């Protein structure tokens, strides 16, 4: 089913064999490391590991805090 859909990336916490798409997962060692911790993002970037930041936005204040933190992490 996954190979028929041909997605660029699949987000899962299960190891999938025989899938041609990238795997984004909280499991280290997958194609893209998914985390909600900014420290993990910095560490992954230093190790040249593709990383995706998972965020939960409850209100506008959360969005502003996340935007500011991401702006600081670029430097």
PDB file of N, CA and C in Angstrom:
ATOM      1  N   UNK A   1       0.824  -1.189   0.000  1.00  0.00           N
ATOM      2  CA  UNK A   1       0.000   0.000   0.000  1.00  0.00           C
ATOM      3  C   UNK A   1       0.873   1.260   0.000  1.00  0.00           C
ATOM      4  N   UNK A   2       1.903   1.289   0.855  1.00  0.00           N
ATOM      5  CA  UNK A   2       2.778   2.454   0.948  1.00  0.00           C
ATOM      6  C   UNK A   2       3.512   2.684  -0.364  1.00  0.00           C
ATOM      7  N   UNK A   3       4.048   1.636  -0.944  1.00  0.00           N
ATOM      8  CA  UNK A   3       4.777   1.790  -2.204  1.00  0.00           C
ATOM      9  C   UNK A   3       3.865   2.249  -3.335  1.00  0.00           C
ATOM     10  N   UNK A   4       2.583   1.861  -3.294  1.00  0.00           N
ATOM     11  CA  UNK A   4       1.630   2.321  -4.307  1.00  0.00           C
ATOM     12  C   UNK A   4       1.383   3.817  -4.180  1.00  0.00           C
ATOM     13  N   UNK A   5       1.264   4.308  -2.947  1.00  0.00           N
ATOM     14  CA  UNK A   5       0.997   5.732  -2.710  1.00  0.00           C
ATOM     15  C   UNK A   5       2.215   6.595  -3.034  1.00  0.00           C
ATOM     16  N   UNK A   6       3.404   6.014  -2.917  1.00  0.00           N
ATOM     17  CA  UNK A   6       4.666   6.677  -3.218  1.00  0.00           C
ATOM     18  C   UNK A   6       4.858   8.004  -2.479  1.00  0.00           C
ATOM     19  N   UNK A   7       4.685   8.018  -1.147  1.00  0.00           N
ATOM     20  CA  UNK A   7       4.917   9.258  -0.406  1.00  0.00           C
ATOM     21  C   UNK A   7       6.413   9.544  -0.302  1.00  0.00           C
ATOM     22  N   UNK A   8       6.766  10.784  -0.080  1.00  0.00           N
ATOM     23  CA  UNK A   8       8.171  11.149   0.132  1.00  0.00           C
ATOM     24  C   UNK A   8       8.634  10.623   1.485  1.00  0.00           C
ATOM     25  N   UNK A   9       7.798  10.801   2.521  1.00  0.00           N
ATOM     26  CA  UNK A   9       8.167  10.427   3.880  1.00  0.00           C
ATOM     27  C   UNK A   9       6.973   9.823   4.596  1.00  0.00           C
ATOM     28  N   UNK A  10       7.256   8.833   5.432  1.00  0.00           N
ATOM     29  CA  UNK A  10       6.245   8.211   6.284  1.00  0.00           C
ATOM     30  C   UNK A  10       6.638   8.493   7.726  1.00  0.00           C
ATOM     31  N   UNK A  11       5.673   8.922   8.538  1.00  0.00           N
ATOM     32  CA  UNK A  11       5.929   9.161   9.957  1.00  0.00           C
ATOM     33  C   UNK A  11       5.396   7.964  10.728  1.00  0.00           C
ATOM     34  N   UNK A  12       6.293   7.253  11.417  1.00  0.00           N
ATOM     35  CA  UNK A  12       5.893   6.064  12.165  1.00  0.00           C
ATOM     36  C   UNK A  12       6.924   5.760  13.242  1.00  0.00           C
ATOM     37  N   UNK A  13       6.508   5.097  14.289  1.00  0.00           N
ATOM     38  CA  UNK A  13       7.440   4.631  15.313  1.00  0.00           C
ATOM     39  C   UNK A  13       7.648   3.127  15.202  1.00  0.00           C
ATOM     40  N   UNK A  14       7.350   2.590  14.029  1.00  0.00           N
ATOM     41  CA  UNK A  14       7.542   1.172  13.750  1.00  0.00           C
ATOM     42  C   UNK A  14       8.546   1.041  12.614  1.00  0.00           C
ATOM     43  N   UNK A  15       9.484   0.136  12.754  1.00  0.00           N
ATOM     44  CA  UNK A  15      10.438  -0.085  11.665  1.00  0.00           C
ATOM     45  C   UNK A  15       9.719  -0.792  10.519  1.00  0.00           C
ATOM     46  N   UNK A  16       9.828  -0.233   9.329  1.00  0.00           N
ATOM     47  CA  UNK A  16       9.200  -0.811   8.143  1.00  0.00           C
ATOM     48  C   UNK A  16      10.284  -1.273   7.184  1.00  0.00           C
ATOM     49  N   UNK A  17      10.189  -2.498   6.745  1.00  0.00           N
ATOM     50  CA  UNK A  17      11.172  -3.039   5.798  1.00  0.00           C
ATOM     51  C   UNK A  17      10.592  -3.017   4.390  1.00  0.00           C
ATOM     52  N   UNK A  18      11.435  -2.804   3.413  1.00  0.00           N
ATOM     53  CA  UNK A  18      11.014  -2.879   2.023  1.00  0.00           C
ATOM     54  C   UNK A  18      10.216  -1.689   1.537  1.00  0.00           C
ATOM     55  N   UNK A  19      10.283  -0.567   2.255  1.00  0.00           N
ATOM     56  CA  UNK A  19       9.555   0.635   1.861  1.00  0.00           C
ATOM     57  C   UNK A  19      10.548   1.608   1.241  1.00  0.00           C
ATOM     58  N   UNK A  20      10.202   2.149   0.082  1.00  0.00           N
ATOM     59  CA  UNK A  20      11.142   3.028  -0.615  1.00  0.00           C
ATOM     60  C   UNK A  20      11.097   4.472  -0.120  1.00  0.00           C
ATOM     61  N   UNK A  21      10.095   4.835   0.680  1.00  0.00           N
ATOM     62  CA  UNK A  21       9.976   6.201   1.193  1.00  0.00           C
ATOM     63  C   UNK A  21      10.900   6.410   2.389  1.00  0.00           C
ATOM     64  N   UNK A  22      11.224   7.667   2.663  1.00  0.00           N
ATOM     65  CA  UNK A  22      11.965   7.994   3.879  1.00  0.00           C
ATOM     66  C   UNK A  22      11.087   7.690   5.091  1.00  0.00           C
ATOM     67  N   UNK A  23      11.718   7.339   6.203  1.00  0.00           N
ATOM     68  CA  UNK A  23      10.990   7.077   7.439  1.00  0.00           C
ATOM     69  C   UNK A  23      11.364   8.154   8.449  1.00  0.00           C
ATOM     70  N   UNK A  24      10.360   8.887   8.935  1.00  0.00           N
ATOM     71  CA  UNK A  24      10.549   9.857  10.012  1.00  0.00           C
ATOM     72  C   UNK A  24      10.019   9.207  11.278  1.00  0.00           C
ATOM     73  N   UNK A  25      10.857   9.180  12.327  1.00  0.00           N
ATOM     74  CA  UNK A  25      10.500   8.426  13.521  1.00  0.00           C
ATOM     75  C   UNK A  25      11.225   8.952  14.746  1.00  0.00           C
ATOM     76  N   UNK A  26      10.665   8.679  15.922  1.00  0.00           N
ATOM     77  CA  UNK A  26      11.349   8.977  17.181  1.00  0.00           C
ATOM     78  C   UNK A  26      12.463   7.964  17.440  1.00  0.00           C
ATOM     79  N   UNK A  27      12.486   6.904  16.659  1.00  0.00           N
ATOM     80  CA  UNK A  27      13.524   5.882  16.790  1.00  0.00           C
ATOM     81  C   UNK A  27      14.788   6.413  16.115  1.00  0.00           C
ATOM     82  N   UNK A  28      15.869   6.505  16.867  1.00  0.00           N
ATOM     83  CA  UNK A  28      17.124   6.985  16.283  1.00  0.00           C
ATOM     84  C   UNK A  28      17.616   5.980  15.250  1.00  0.00           C
ATOM     85  N   UNK A  29      18.234   6.498  14.202  1.00  0.00           N
ATOM     86  CA  UNK A  29      18.765   5.647  13.151  1.00  0.00           C
ATOM     87  C   UNK A  29      17.871   5.571  11.926  1.00  0.00           C
ATOM     88  N   UNK A  30      16.682   6.145  11.998  1.00  0.00           N
ATOM     89  CA  UNK A  30      15.809   6.189  10.829  1.00  0.00           C
ATOM     90  C   UNK A  30      16.265   7.342   9.924  1.00  0.00           C
ATOM     91  N   UNK A  31      15.617   7.519   8.783  1.00  0.00           N
ATOM     92  CA  UNK A  31      16.016   8.550   7.823  1.00  0.00           C
ATOM     93  C   UNK A  31      15.928   9.960   8.413  1.00  0.00           C
ATOM     94  N   UNK A  32      14.858  10.225   9.157  1.00  0.00           N
ATOM     95  CA  UNK A  32      14.634  11.533   9.771  1.00  0.00           C
ATOM     96  C   UNK A  32      14.270  11.302  11.231  1.00  0.00           C
ATOM     97  N   UNK A  33      14.988  11.961  12.143  1.00  0.00           N
ATOM     98  CA  UNK A  33      14.733  11.820  13.575  1.00  0.00           C
ATOM     99  C   UNK A  33      13.672  12.835  13.985  1.00  0.00           C
ATOM    100  N   UNK A  34      12.587  12.385  14.619  1.00  0.00           N
ATOM    101  CA  UNK A  34      11.496  13.238  15.081  1.00  0.00           C
ATOM    102  C   UNK A  34      11.626  13.417  16.587  1.00  0.00           C
ATOM    103  N   UNK A  35      11.598  14.670  17.040  1.00  0.00           N
ATOM    104  CA  UNK A  35      11.707  14.942  18.468  1.00  0.00           C
ATOM    105  C   UNK A  35      10.921  16.197  18.828  1.00  0.00           C
ATOM    106  N   UNK A  36      10.572  16.313  20.092  1.00  0.00           N
ATOM    107  CA  UNK A  36       9.912  17.522  20.579  1.00  0.00           C
ATOM    108  C   UNK A  36      10.851  18.320  21.483  1.00  0.00           C
ATOM    109  N   UNK A  37      12.112  17.893  21.580  1.00  0.00           N
ATOM    110  CA  UNK A  37      13.084  18.551  22.462  1.00  0.00           C
ATOM    111  C   UNK A  37      14.088  19.361  21.638  1.00  0.00           C
ATOM    112  N   UNK A  38      14.201  20.655  21.960  1.00  0.00           N
ATOM    113  CA  UNK A  38      15.127  21.513  21.217  1.00  0.00           C
ATOM    114  C   UNK A  38      16.572  21.054  21.362  1.00  0.00           C
ATOM    115  N   UNK A  39      16.938  20.506  22.522  1.00  0.00           N
ATOM    116  CA  UNK A  39      18.303  19.999  22.704  1.00  0.00           C
ATOM    117  C   UNK A  39      18.603  18.873  21.719  1.00  0.00           C
ATOM    118  N   UNK A  40      17.610  18.008  21.486  1.00  0.00           N
ATOM    119  CA  UNK A  40      17.788  16.917  20.525  1.00  0.00           C
ATOM    120  C   UNK A  40      17.969  17.456  19.107  1.00  0.00           C
ATOM    121  N   UNK A  41      17.253  18.545  18.796  1.00  0.00           N
ATOM    122  CA  UNK A  41      17.370  19.153  17.467  1.00  0.00           C
ATOM    123  C   UNK A  41      18.799  19.649  17.254  1.00  0.00           C
ATOM    124  N   UNK A  42      19.322  20.370  18.242  1.00  0.00           N
ATOM    125  CA  UNK A  42      20.695  20.890  18.135  1.00  0.00           C
ATOM    126  C   UNK A  42      21.704  19.765  17.984  1.00  0.00           C
ATOM    127  N   UNK A  43      21.538  18.730  18.785  1.00  0.00           N
ATOM    128  CA  UNK A  43      22.454  17.586  18.742  1.00  0.00           C
ATOM    129  C   UNK A  43      22.403  16.891  17.383  1.00  0.00           C
ATOM    130  N   UNK A  44      21.196  16.682  16.873  1.00  0.00           N
ATOM    131  CA  UNK A  44      21.038  16.012  15.577  1.00  0.00           C
ATOM    132  C   UNK A  44      21.668  16.843  14.463  1.00  0.00           C
ATOM    133  N   UNK A  45      21.463  18.156  14.505  1.00  0.00           N
ATOM    134  CA  UNK A  45      22.039  19.026  13.478  1.00  0.00           C
ATOM    135  C   UNK A  45      23.561  18.985  13.520  1.00  0.00           C
ATOM    136  N   UNK A  46      24.135  18.943  14.725  1.00  0.00           N
ATOM    137  CA  UNK A  46      25.595  18.860  14.851  1.00  0.00           C
ATOM    138  C   UNK A  46      26.118  17.562  14.245  1.00  0.00           C
ATOM    139  N   UNK A  47      25.327  16.489  14.375  1.00  0.00           N
ATOM    140  CA  UNK A  47      25.712  15.182  13.826  1.00  0.00           C
ATOM    141  C   UNK A  47      25.282  15.009  12.372  1.00  0.00           C
ATOM    142  N   UNK A  48      24.755  16.085  11.779  1.00  0.00           N
ATOM    143  CA  UNK A  48      24.287  16.076  10.385  1.00  0.00           C
ATOM    144  C   UNK A  48      23.185  15.038  10.138  1.00  0.00           C
ATOM    145  N   UNK A  49      22.349  14.847  11.168  1.00  0.00           N
ATOM    146  CA  UNK A  49      21.205  13.947  11.071  1.00  0.00           C
ATOM    147  C   UNK A  49      19.976  14.769  10.694  1.00  0.00           C
ATOM    148  N   UNK A  50      19.245  14.405   9.643  1.00  0.00           N
ATOM    149  CA  UNK A  50      18.000  15.112   9.338  1.00  0.00           C
ATOM    150  C   UNK A  50      17.052  14.994  10.532  1.00  0.00           C
ATOM    151  N   UNK A  51      16.452  16.109  10.910  1.00  0.00           N
ATOM    152  CA  UNK A  51      15.613  16.123  12.108  1.00  0.00           C
ATOM    153  C   UNK A  51      14.341  16.913  11.842  1.00  0.00           C
ATOM    154  N   UNK A  52      13.244  16.446  12.438  1.00  0.00           N
ATOM    155  CA  UNK A  52      11.962  17.144  12.375  1.00  0.00           C
ATOM    156  C   UNK A  52      11.554  17.470  13.801  1.00  0.00           C
ATOM    157  N   UNK A  53      11.141  18.708  14.030  1.00  0.00           N
ATOM    158  CA  UNK A  53      10.702  19.128  15.350  1.00  0.00           C
ATOM    159  C   UNK A  53       9.193  18.984  15.439  1.00  0.00           C
ATOM    160  N   UNK A  54       8.753  18.228  16.417  1.00  0.00           N
ATOM    161  CA  UNK A  54       7.321  18.036  16.652  1.00  0.00           C
ATOM    162  C   UNK A  54       6.889  19.043  17.709  1.00  0.00           C
ATOM    163  N   UNK A  55       5.894  19.860  17.389  1.00  0.00           N
ATOM    164  CA  UNK A  55       5.417  20.866  18.336  1.00  0.00           C
ATOM    165  C   UNK A  55       3.919  20.741  18.532  1.00  0.00           C
ATOM    166  N   UNK A  56       3.486  21.142  19.717  1.00  0.00           N
ATOM    167  CA  UNK A  56       2.063  21.204  20.025  1.00  0.00           C
ATOM    168  C   UNK A  56       1.745  22.662  20.312  1.00  0.00           C
ATOM    169  N   UNK A  57       0.816  23.201  19.574  1.00  0.00           N
ATOM    170  CA  UNK A  57       0.462  24.607  19.727  1.00  0.00           C
ATOM    171  C   UNK A  57      -0.935  24.681  20.322  1.00  0.00           C
ATOM    172  N   UNK A  58      -0.994  25.190  21.562  1.00  0.00           N
ATOM    173  CA  UNK A  58      -2.273  25.310  22.255  1.00  0.00           C
ATOM    174  C   UNK A  58      -2.927  26.659  22.042  1.00  0.00           C
ATOM    175  N   UNK A  59      -2.106  27.693  21.873  1.00  0.00           N
ATOM    176  CA  UNK A  59      -2.641  29.035  21.650  1.00  0.00           C
ATOM    177  C   UNK A  59      -1.590  29.896  20.956  1.00  0.00           C
ATOM    178  N   UNK A  60      -1.947  31.135  20.691  1.00  0.00           N
ATOM    179  CA  UNK A  60      -1.060  32.036  19.948  1.00  0.00           C
ATOM    180  C   UNK A  60       0.251  32.276  20.696  1.00  0.00           C
ATOM    181  N   UNK A  61       0.186  32.299  22.030  1.00  0.00           N
ATOM    182  CA  UNK A  61       1.396  32.513  22.829  1.00  0.00           C
ATOM    183  C   UNK A  61       2.391  31.372  22.602  1.00  0.00           C
ATOM    184  N   UNK A  62       1.882  30.140  22.513  1.00  0.00           N
ATOM    185  CA  UNK A  62       2.743  28.991  22.218  1.00  0.00           C
ATOM    186  C   UNK A  62       3.429  29.167  20.868  1.00  0.00           C
ATOM    187  N   UNK A  63       2.678  29.596  19.885  1.00  0.00           N
ATOM    188  CA  UNK A  63       3.223  29.787  18.540  1.00  0.00           C
ATOM    189  C   UNK A  63       4.352  30.816  18.556  1.00  0.00           C
ATOM    190  N   UNK A  64       4.166  31.904  19.298  1.00  0.00           N
ATOM    191  CA  UNK A  64       5.203  32.932  19.390  1.00  0.00           C
ATOM    192  C   UNK A  64       6.455  32.388  20.066  1.00  0.00           C
ATOM    193  N   UNK A  65       6.290  31.630  21.143  1.00  0.00           N
ATOM    194  CA  UNK A  65       7.437  31.052  21.858  1.00  0.00           C
ATOM    195  C   UNK A  65       8.212  30.092  20.957  1.00  0.00           C
ATOM    196  N   UNK A  66       7.489  29.274  20.223  1.00  0.00           N
ATOM    197  CA  UNK A  66       8.131  28.307  19.329  1.00  0.00           C
ATOM    198  C   UNK A  66       8.878  29.033  18.216  1.00  0.00           C
ATOM    199  N   UNK A  67       8.262  30.054  17.637  1.00  0.00           N
ATOM    200  CA  UNK A  67       8.913  30.825  16.572  1.00  0.00           C
ATOM    201  C   UNK A  67      10.193  31.475  17.076  1.00  0.00           C
ATOM    202  N   UNK A  68      10.153  32.038  18.282  1.00  0.00           N
ATOM    203  CA  UNK A  68      11.343  32.674  18.854  1.00  0.00           C
ATOM    204  C   UNK A  68      12.440  31.645  19.110  1.00  0.00           C
ATOM    205  N   UNK A  69      12.074  30.504  19.659  1.00  0.00           N
ATOM    206  CA  UNK A  69      13.067  29.459  19.948  1.00  0.00           C
ATOM    207  C   UNK A  69      13.712  28.952  18.665  1.00  0.00           C
ATOM    208  N   UNK A  70      12.918  28.776  17.623  1.00  0.00           N
ATOM    209  CA  UNK A  70      13.467  28.305  16.350  1.00  0.00           C
ATOM    210  C   UNK A  70      14.383  29.347  15.725  1.00  0.00           C
ATOM    211  N   UNK A  71      14.043  30.618  15.864  1.00  0.00           N
ATOM    212  CA  UNK A  71      14.902  31.685  15.340  1.00  0.00           C
ATOM    213  C   UNK A  71      16.245  31.684  16.049  1.00  0.00           C
ATOM    214  N   UNK A  72      16.238  31.463  17.356  1.00  0.00           N
ATOM    215  CA  UNK A  72      17.491  31.420  18.124  1.00  0.00           C
ATOM    216  C   UNK A  72      18.316  30.195  17.764  1.00  0.00           C
ATOM    217  N   UNK A  73      17.655  29.079  17.461  1.00  0.00           N
ATOM    218  CA  UNK A  73      18.396  27.838  17.187  1.00  0.00           C
ATOM    219  C   UNK A  73      19.103  27.870  15.831  1.00  0.00           C
ATOM    220  N   UNK A  74      18.752  28.795  14.957  1.00  0.00           N
ATOM    221  CA  UNK A  74      19.400  28.902  13.644  1.00  0.00           C
ATOM    222  C   UNK A  74      20.808  29.459  13.758  1.00  0.00           C
ATOM    223  N   UNK A  75      21.087  30.161  14.840  1.00  0.00           N
ATOM    224  CA  UNK A  75      22.414  30.775  14.989  1.00  0.00           C
ATOM    225  C   UNK A  75      23.383  29.868  15.677  1.00  0.00           C
TER     226      UNK A  75
END
